[in-house]
Amino acid sequence: MATRYPRSLGLGVWDGSIGNVTIRWKEAAKERLSAEASVQGTDQATMKALTEHFLYEIAVRRGNTAVAVR
């Protein structure tokens, strides 16, 4: 499912790179994703893509090359 957040990994990808930023999802974050998406009234794909897009933008702004979703 395509989302409107271009800087994101695929839905089933939990560890990868966007540009020069590596994004790694920890197990606890993966487990919470569905519930958090439901609370926010959105689907899991959108919540995951938004999280990755936002973390990518912050990492670039701060000069980081890796982030972890905890």
PDB file of N, CA and C in Angstrom:
ATOM      1  N   MET A   1       0.850  -1.178   0.000  1.00  0.00           N
ATOM      2  CA  MET A   1       0.000   0.000   0.000  1.00  0.00           C
ATOM      3  C   MET A   1       0.897   1.242   0.000  1.00  0.00           C
ATOM      4  N   ALA A   2       0.702   2.097  -0.963  1.00  0.00           N
ATOM      5  CA  ALA A   2       1.485   3.336  -1.044  1.00  0.00           C
ATOM      6  C   ALA A   2       0.893   4.365  -0.079  1.00  0.00           C
ATOM      7  N   THR A   3       1.762   5.144   0.500  1.00  0.00           N
ATOM      8  CA  THR A   3       1.310   6.199   1.395  1.00  0.00           C
ATOM      9  C   THR A   3       1.784   7.536   0.843  1.00  0.00           C
ATOM     10  N   ARG A   4       1.365   8.598   1.466  1.00  0.00           N
ATOM     11  CA  ARG A   4       1.787   9.923   1.021  1.00  0.00           C
ATOM     12  C   ARG A   4       3.092  10.369   1.685  1.00  0.00           C
ATOM     13  N   TYR A   5       3.746   9.464   2.369  1.00  0.00           N
ATOM     14  CA  TYR A   5       5.020   9.774   3.021  1.00  0.00           C
ATOM     15  C   TYR A   5       6.147   9.095   2.240  1.00  0.00           C
ATOM     16  N   PRO A   6       6.816   9.834   1.367  1.00  0.00           N
ATOM     17  CA  PRO A   6       7.786   9.223   0.465  1.00  0.00           C
ATOM     18  C   PRO A   6       9.045   8.704   1.135  1.00  0.00           C
ATOM     19  N   ARG A   7       9.389   9.239   2.277  1.00  0.00           N
ATOM     20  CA  ARG A   7      10.605   8.799   2.955  1.00  0.00           C
ATOM     21  C   ARG A   7      10.250   7.756   4.008  1.00  0.00           C
ATOM     22  N   SER A   8       9.939   6.566   3.514  1.00  0.00           N
ATOM     23  CA  SER A   8       9.565   5.480   4.418  1.00  0.00           C
ATOM     24  C   SER A   8       9.974   4.152   3.803  1.00  0.00           C
ATOM     25  N   LEU A   9      10.117   3.149   4.662  1.00  0.00           N
ATOM     26  CA  LEU A   9      10.428   1.796   4.234  1.00  0.00           C
ATOM     27  C   LEU A   9       9.134   1.113   3.816  1.00  0.00           C
ATOM     28  N   GLY A  10       9.221  -0.027   3.194  1.00  0.00           N
ATOM     29  CA  GLY A  10       8.024  -0.785   2.848  1.00  0.00           C
ATOM     30  C   GLY A  10       7.329  -1.297   4.099  1.00  0.00           C
ATOM     31  N   LEU A  11       6.078  -1.694   3.973  1.00  0.00           N
ATOM     32  CA  LEU A  11       5.290  -2.126   5.130  1.00  0.00           C
ATOM     33  C   LEU A  11       5.932  -3.286   5.886  1.00  0.00           C
ATOM     34  N   GLY A  12       6.487  -4.247   5.205  1.00  0.00           N
ATOM     35  CA  GLY A  12       7.087  -5.401   5.874  1.00  0.00           C
ATOM     36  C   GLY A  12       8.575  -5.248   6.161  1.00  0.00           C
ATOM     37  N   VAL A  13       9.128  -4.061   5.929  1.00  0.00           N
ATOM     38  CA  VAL A  13      10.562  -3.825   6.137  1.00  0.00           C
ATOM     39  C   VAL A  13      10.751  -3.114   7.478  1.00  0.00           C
ATOM     40  N   TRP A  14      11.501  -3.730   8.366  1.00  0.00           N
ATOM     41  CA  TRP A  14      11.681  -3.192   9.718  1.00  0.00           C
ATOM     42  C   TRP A  14      13.089  -2.684   9.971  1.00  0.00           C
ATOM     43  N   ASP A  15      13.982  -2.913   9.043  1.00  0.00           N
ATOM     44  CA  ASP A  15      15.372  -2.502   9.188  1.00  0.00           C
ATOM     45  C   ASP A  15      15.887  -2.177   7.794  1.00  0.00           C
ATOM     46  N   GLY A  16      16.150  -0.892   7.540  1.00  0.00           N
ATOM     47  CA  GLY A  16      16.601  -0.506   6.220  1.00  0.00           C
ATOM     48  C   GLY A  16      17.074   0.929   6.191  1.00  0.00           C
ATOM     49  N   SER A  17      17.398   1.388   4.999  1.00  0.00           N
ATOM     50  CA  SER A  17      17.913   2.748   4.843  1.00  0.00           C
ATOM     51  C   SER A  17      17.038   3.560   3.915  1.00  0.00           C
ATOM     52  N   ILE A  18      16.945   4.825   4.242  1.00  0.00           N
ATOM     53  CA  ILE A  18      16.307   5.824   3.401  1.00  0.00           C
ATOM     54  C   ILE A  18      17.391   6.877   3.187  1.00  0.00           C
ATOM     55  N   GLY A  19      17.839   7.012   1.953  1.00  0.00           N
ATOM     56  CA  GLY A  19      18.979   7.889   1.719  1.00  0.00           C
ATOM     57  C   GLY A  19      20.159   7.377   2.520  1.00  0.00           C
ATOM     58  N   ASN A  20      20.755   8.256   3.310  1.00  0.00           N
ATOM     59  CA  ASN A  20      21.902   7.846   4.126  1.00  0.00           C
ATOM     60  C   ASN A  20      21.521   7.615   5.590  1.00  0.00           C
ATOM     61  N   VAL A  21      20.222   7.469   5.875  1.00  0.00           N
ATOM     62  CA  VAL A  21      19.752   7.259   7.247  1.00  0.00           C
ATOM     63  C   VAL A  21      19.230   5.826   7.403  1.00  0.00           C
ATOM     64  N   THR A  22      19.804   5.109   8.348  1.00  0.00           N
ATOM     65  CA  THR A  22      19.356   3.751   8.652  1.00  0.00           C
ATOM     66  C   THR A  22      18.273   3.820   9.721  1.00  0.00           C
ATOM     67  N   ILE A  23      17.175   3.124   9.466  1.00  0.00           N
ATOM     68  CA  ILE A  23      16.061   3.079  10.416  1.00  0.00           C
ATOM     69  C   ILE A  23      15.878   1.635  10.856  1.00  0.00           C
ATOM     70  N   ARG A  24      15.847   1.427  12.154  1.00  0.00           N
ATOM     71  CA  ARG A  24      15.680   0.082  12.713  1.00  0.00           C
ATOM     72  C   ARG A  24      14.545   0.100  13.741  1.00  0.00           C
ATOM     73  N   TRP A  25      13.570  -0.768  13.547  1.00  0.00           N
ATOM     74  CA  TRP A  25      12.460  -0.908  14.480  1.00  0.00           C
ATOM     75  C   TRP A  25      12.815  -1.961  15.526  1.00  0.00           C
ATOM     76  N   LYS A  26      12.690  -1.621  16.787  1.00  0.00           N
ATOM     77  CA  LYS A  26      12.872  -2.590  17.875  1.00  0.00           C
ATOM     78  C   LYS A  26      11.592  -3.409  18.010  1.00  0.00           C
ATOM     79  N   GLU A  27      11.702  -4.572  18.599  1.00  0.00           N
ATOM     80  CA  GLU A  27      10.568  -5.493  18.712  1.00  0.00           C
ATOM     81  C   GLU A  27       9.368  -4.867  19.431  1.00  0.00           C
ATOM     82  N   ALA A  28       9.596  -4.150  20.507  1.00  0.00           N
ATOM     83  CA  ALA A  28       8.493  -3.538  21.264  1.00  0.00           C
ATOM     84  C   ALA A  28       7.717  -2.541  20.406  1.00  0.00           C
ATOM     85  N   ALA A  29       8.420  -1.789  19.574  1.00  0.00           N
ATOM     86  CA  ALA A  29       7.761  -0.814  18.709  1.00  0.00           C
ATOM     87  C   ALA A  29       6.917  -1.516  17.647  1.00  0.00           C
ATOM     88  N   LYS A  30       7.437  -2.599  17.107  1.00  0.00           N
ATOM     89  CA  LYS A  30       6.676  -3.382  16.125  1.00  0.00           C
ATOM     90  C   LYS A  30       5.376  -3.886  16.742  1.00  0.00           C
ATOM     91  N   GLU A  31       5.478  -4.365  17.980  1.00  0.00           N
ATOM     92  CA  GLU A  31       4.318  -4.927  18.658  1.00  0.00           C
ATOM     93  C   GLU A  31       3.262  -3.869  18.970  1.00  0.00           C
ATOM     94  N   ARG A  32       3.678  -2.643  19.217  1.00  0.00           N
ATOM     95  CA  ARG A  32       2.745  -1.554  19.548  1.00  0.00           C
ATOM     96  C   ARG A  32       2.121  -0.894  18.329  1.00  0.00           C
ATOM     97  N   LEU A  33       2.707  -1.072  17.161  1.00  0.00           N
ATOM     98  CA  LEU A  33       2.289  -0.324  15.979  1.00  0.00           C
ATOM     99  C   LEU A  33       0.799  -0.445  15.662  1.00  0.00           C
ATOM    100  N   SER A  34       0.278  -1.639  15.635  1.00  0.00           N
ATOM    101  CA  SER A  34      -1.126  -1.847  15.298  1.00  0.00           C
ATOM    102  C   SER A  34      -2.055  -1.160  16.299  1.00  0.00           C
ATOM    103  N   ALA A  35      -1.772  -1.320  17.578  1.00  0.00           N
ATOM    104  CA  ALA A  35      -2.611  -0.706  18.615  1.00  0.00           C
ATOM    105  C   ALA A  35      -2.545   0.821  18.547  1.00  0.00           C
ATOM    106  N   GLU A  36      -1.344   1.360  18.350  1.00  0.00           N
ATOM    107  CA  GLU A  36      -1.190   2.819  18.263  1.00  0.00           C
ATOM    108  C   GLU A  36      -1.922   3.376  17.041  1.00  0.00           C
ATOM    109  N   ALA A  37      -1.839   2.675  15.932  1.00  0.00           N
ATOM    110  CA  ALA A  37      -2.545   3.109  14.725  1.00  0.00           C
ATOM    111  C   ALA A  37      -4.052   3.128  14.970  1.00  0.00           C
ATOM    112  N   SER A  38      -4.545   2.105  15.637  1.00  0.00           N
ATOM    113  CA  SER A  38      -5.971   2.018  15.937  1.00  0.00           C
ATOM    114  C   SER A  38      -6.421   3.170  16.836  1.00  0.00           C
ATOM    115  N   VAL A  39      -5.639   3.466  17.853  1.00  0.00           N
ATOM    116  CA  VAL A  39      -5.964   4.578  18.767  1.00  0.00           C
ATOM    117  C   VAL A  39      -6.019   5.898  18.004  1.00  0.00           C
ATOM    118  N   GLN A  40      -5.129   6.075  17.045  1.00  0.00           N
ATOM    119  CA  GLN A  40      -5.067   7.318  16.276  1.00  0.00           C
ATOM    120  C   GLN A  40      -6.067   7.344  15.125  1.00  0.00           C
ATOM    121  N   GLY A  41      -6.762   6.244  14.898  1.00  0.00           N
ATOM    122  CA  GLY A  41      -7.772   6.193  13.847  1.00  0.00           C
ATOM    123  C   GLY A  41      -7.199   6.111  12.444  1.00  0.00           C
ATOM    124  N   THR A  42      -6.061   5.444  12.314  1.00  0.00           N
ATOM    125  CA  THR A  42      -5.436   5.287  11.006  1.00  0.00           C
ATOM    126  C   THR A  42      -5.012   3.836  10.821  1.00  0.00           C
ATOM    127  N   ASP A  43      -4.554   3.512   9.634  1.00  0.00           N
ATOM    128  CA  ASP A  43      -4.119   2.134   9.404  1.00  0.00           C
ATOM    129  C   ASP A  43      -2.634   1.985   9.734  1.00  0.00           C
ATOM    130  N   GLN A  44      -2.206   0.748   9.881  1.00  0.00           N
ATOM    131  CA  GLN A  44      -0.845   0.440  10.291  1.00  0.00           C
ATOM    132  C   GLN A  44       0.181   0.944   9.269  1.00  0.00           C
ATOM    133  N   ALA A  45      -0.115   0.823   7.984  1.00  0.00           N
ATOM    134  CA  ALA A  45       0.824   1.253   6.941  1.00  0.00           C
ATOM    135  C   ALA A  45       1.087   2.755   7.022  1.00  0.00           C
ATOM    136  N   THR A  46       0.033   3.523   7.232  1.00  0.00           N
ATOM    137  CA  THR A  46       0.179   4.975   7.326  1.00  0.00           C
ATOM    138  C   THR A  46       0.952   5.367   8.579  1.00  0.00           C
ATOM    139  N   MET A  47       0.631   4.737   9.705  1.00  0.00           N
ATOM    140  CA  MET A  47       1.330   5.054  10.955  1.00  0.00           C
ATOM    141  C   MET A  47       2.816   4.724  10.847  1.00  0.00           C
ATOM    142  N   LYS A  48       3.152   3.583  10.253  1.00  0.00           N
ATOM    143  CA  LYS A  48       4.548   3.187  10.092  1.00  0.00           C
ATOM    144  C   LYS A  48       5.271   4.162   9.167  1.00  0.00           C
ATOM    145  N   ALA A  49       4.663   4.477   8.031  1.00  0.00           N
ATOM    146  CA  ALA A  49       5.284   5.394   7.067  1.00  0.00           C
ATOM    147  C   ALA A  49       5.473   6.784   7.661  1.00  0.00           C
ATOM    148  N   LEU A  50       4.488   7.286   8.374  1.00  0.00           N
ATOM    149  CA  LEU A  50       4.592   8.607   9.001  1.00  0.00           C
ATOM    150  C   LEU A  50       5.719   8.625  10.024  1.00  0.00           C
ATOM    151  N   THR A  51       5.811   7.582  10.834  1.00  0.00           N
ATOM    152  CA  THR A  51       6.867   7.493  11.845  1.00  0.00           C
ATOM    153  C   THR A  51       8.242   7.520  11.186  1.00  0.00           C
ATOM    154  N   GLU A  52       8.422   6.722  10.140  1.00  0.00           N
ATOM    155  CA  GLU A  52       9.710   6.665   9.458  1.00  0.00           C
ATOM    156  C   GLU A  52      10.042   7.976   8.761  1.00  0.00           C
ATOM    157  N   HIS A  53       9.064   8.572   8.118  1.00  0.00           N
ATOM    158  CA  HIS A  53       9.258   9.855   7.430  1.00  0.00           C
ATOM    159  C   HIS A  53       9.695  10.931   8.429  1.00  0.00           C
ATOM    160  N   PHE A  54       9.005  11.008   9.541  1.00  0.00           N
ATOM    161  CA  PHE A  54       9.303  11.992  10.582  1.00  0.00           C
ATOM    162  C   PHE A  54      10.703  11.760  11.162  1.00  0.00           C
ATOM    163  N   LEU A  55      11.035  10.517  11.475  1.00  0.00           N
ATOM    164  CA  LEU A  55      12.359  10.204  12.023  1.00  0.00           C
ATOM    165  C   LEU A  55      13.465  10.496  11.020  1.00  0.00           C
ATOM    166  N   TYR A  56      13.217  10.226   9.748  1.00  0.00           N
ATOM    167  CA  TYR A  56      14.197  10.548   8.707  1.00  0.00           C
ATOM    168  C   TYR A  56      14.465  12.050   8.685  1.00  0.00           C
ATOM    169  N   GLU A  57      13.406  12.852   8.667  1.00  0.00           N
ATOM    170  CA  GLU A  57      13.564  14.309   8.619  1.00  0.00           C
ATOM    171  C   GLU A  57      14.336  14.829   9.833  1.00  0.00           C
ATOM    172  N   ILE A  58      14.040  14.304  11.008  1.00  0.00           N
ATOM    173  CA  ILE A  58      14.761  14.718  12.222  1.00  0.00           C
ATOM    174  C   ILE A  58      16.228  14.310  12.133  1.00  0.00           C
ATOM    175  N   ALA A  59      16.494  13.087  11.696  1.00  0.00           N
ATOM    176  CA  ALA A  59      17.877  12.603  11.594  1.00  0.00           C
ATOM    177  C   ALA A  59      18.689  13.475  10.642  1.00  0.00           C
ATOM    178  N   VAL A  60      18.124  13.806   9.498  1.00  0.00           N
ATOM    179  CA  VAL A  60      18.827  14.651   8.532  1.00  0.00           C
ATOM    180  C   VAL A  60      19.105  16.020   9.135  1.00  0.00           C
ATOM    181  N   ARG A  61      18.120  16.580   9.766  1.00  0.00           N
ATOM    182  CA  ARG A  61      18.282  17.908  10.373  1.00  0.00           C
ATOM    183  C   ARG A  61      19.370  17.914  11.456  1.00  0.00           C
ATOM    184  N   ARG A  62      19.460  16.834  12.211  1.00  0.00           N
ATOM    185  CA  ARG A  62      20.450  16.744  13.300  1.00  0.00           C
ATOM    186  C   ARG A  62      21.789  16.183  12.842  1.00  0.00           C
ATOM    187  N   GLY A  63      21.862  15.711  11.614  1.00  0.00           N
ATOM    188  CA  GLY A  63      23.117  15.151  11.109  1.00  0.00           C
ATOM    189  C   GLY A  63      23.363  13.722  11.540  1.00  0.00           C
ATOM    190  N   ASN A  64      22.311  12.996  11.940  1.00  0.00           N
ATOM    191  CA  ASN A  64      22.441  11.602  12.351  1.00  0.00           C
ATOM    192  C   ASN A  64      22.311  10.689  11.135  1.00  0.00           C
ATOM    193  N   THR A  65      22.926   9.533  11.215  1.00  0.00           N
ATOM    194  CA  THR A  65      22.822   8.567  10.117  1.00  0.00           C
ATOM    195  C   THR A  65      22.076   7.294  10.517  1.00  0.00           C
ATOM    196  N   ALA A  66      21.602   7.233  11.762  1.00  0.00           N
ATOM    197  CA  ALA A  66      20.858   6.053  12.215  1.00  0.00           C
ATOM    198  C   ALA A  66      19.856   6.452  13.288  1.00  0.00           C
ATOM    199  N   VAL A  67      18.685   5.812  13.238  1.00  0.00           N
ATOM    200  CA  VAL A  67      17.660   6.025  14.273  1.00  0.00           C
ATOM    201  C   VAL A  67      17.048   4.668  14.602  1.00  0.00           C
ATOM    202  N   ALA A  68      16.543   4.558  15.825  1.00  0.00           N
ATOM    203  CA  ALA A  68      15.868   3.342  16.255  1.00  0.00           C
ATOM    204  C   ALA A  68      14.472   3.723  16.740  1.00  0.00           C
ATOM    205  N   VAL A  69      13.492   2.967  16.302  1.00  0.00           N
ATOM    206  CA  VAL A  69      12.117   3.141  16.772  1.00  0.00           C
ATOM    207  C   VAL A  69      11.969   2.187  17.947  1.00  0.00           C
ATOM    208  N   ARG A  70      11.823   2.752  19.121  1.00  0.00           N
ATOM    209  CA  ARG A  70      11.768   1.937  20.330  1.00  0.00           C
ATOM    210  C   ARG A  70      10.362   1.807  20.774  1.00  0.00           C
TER     211      ARG A  70
END
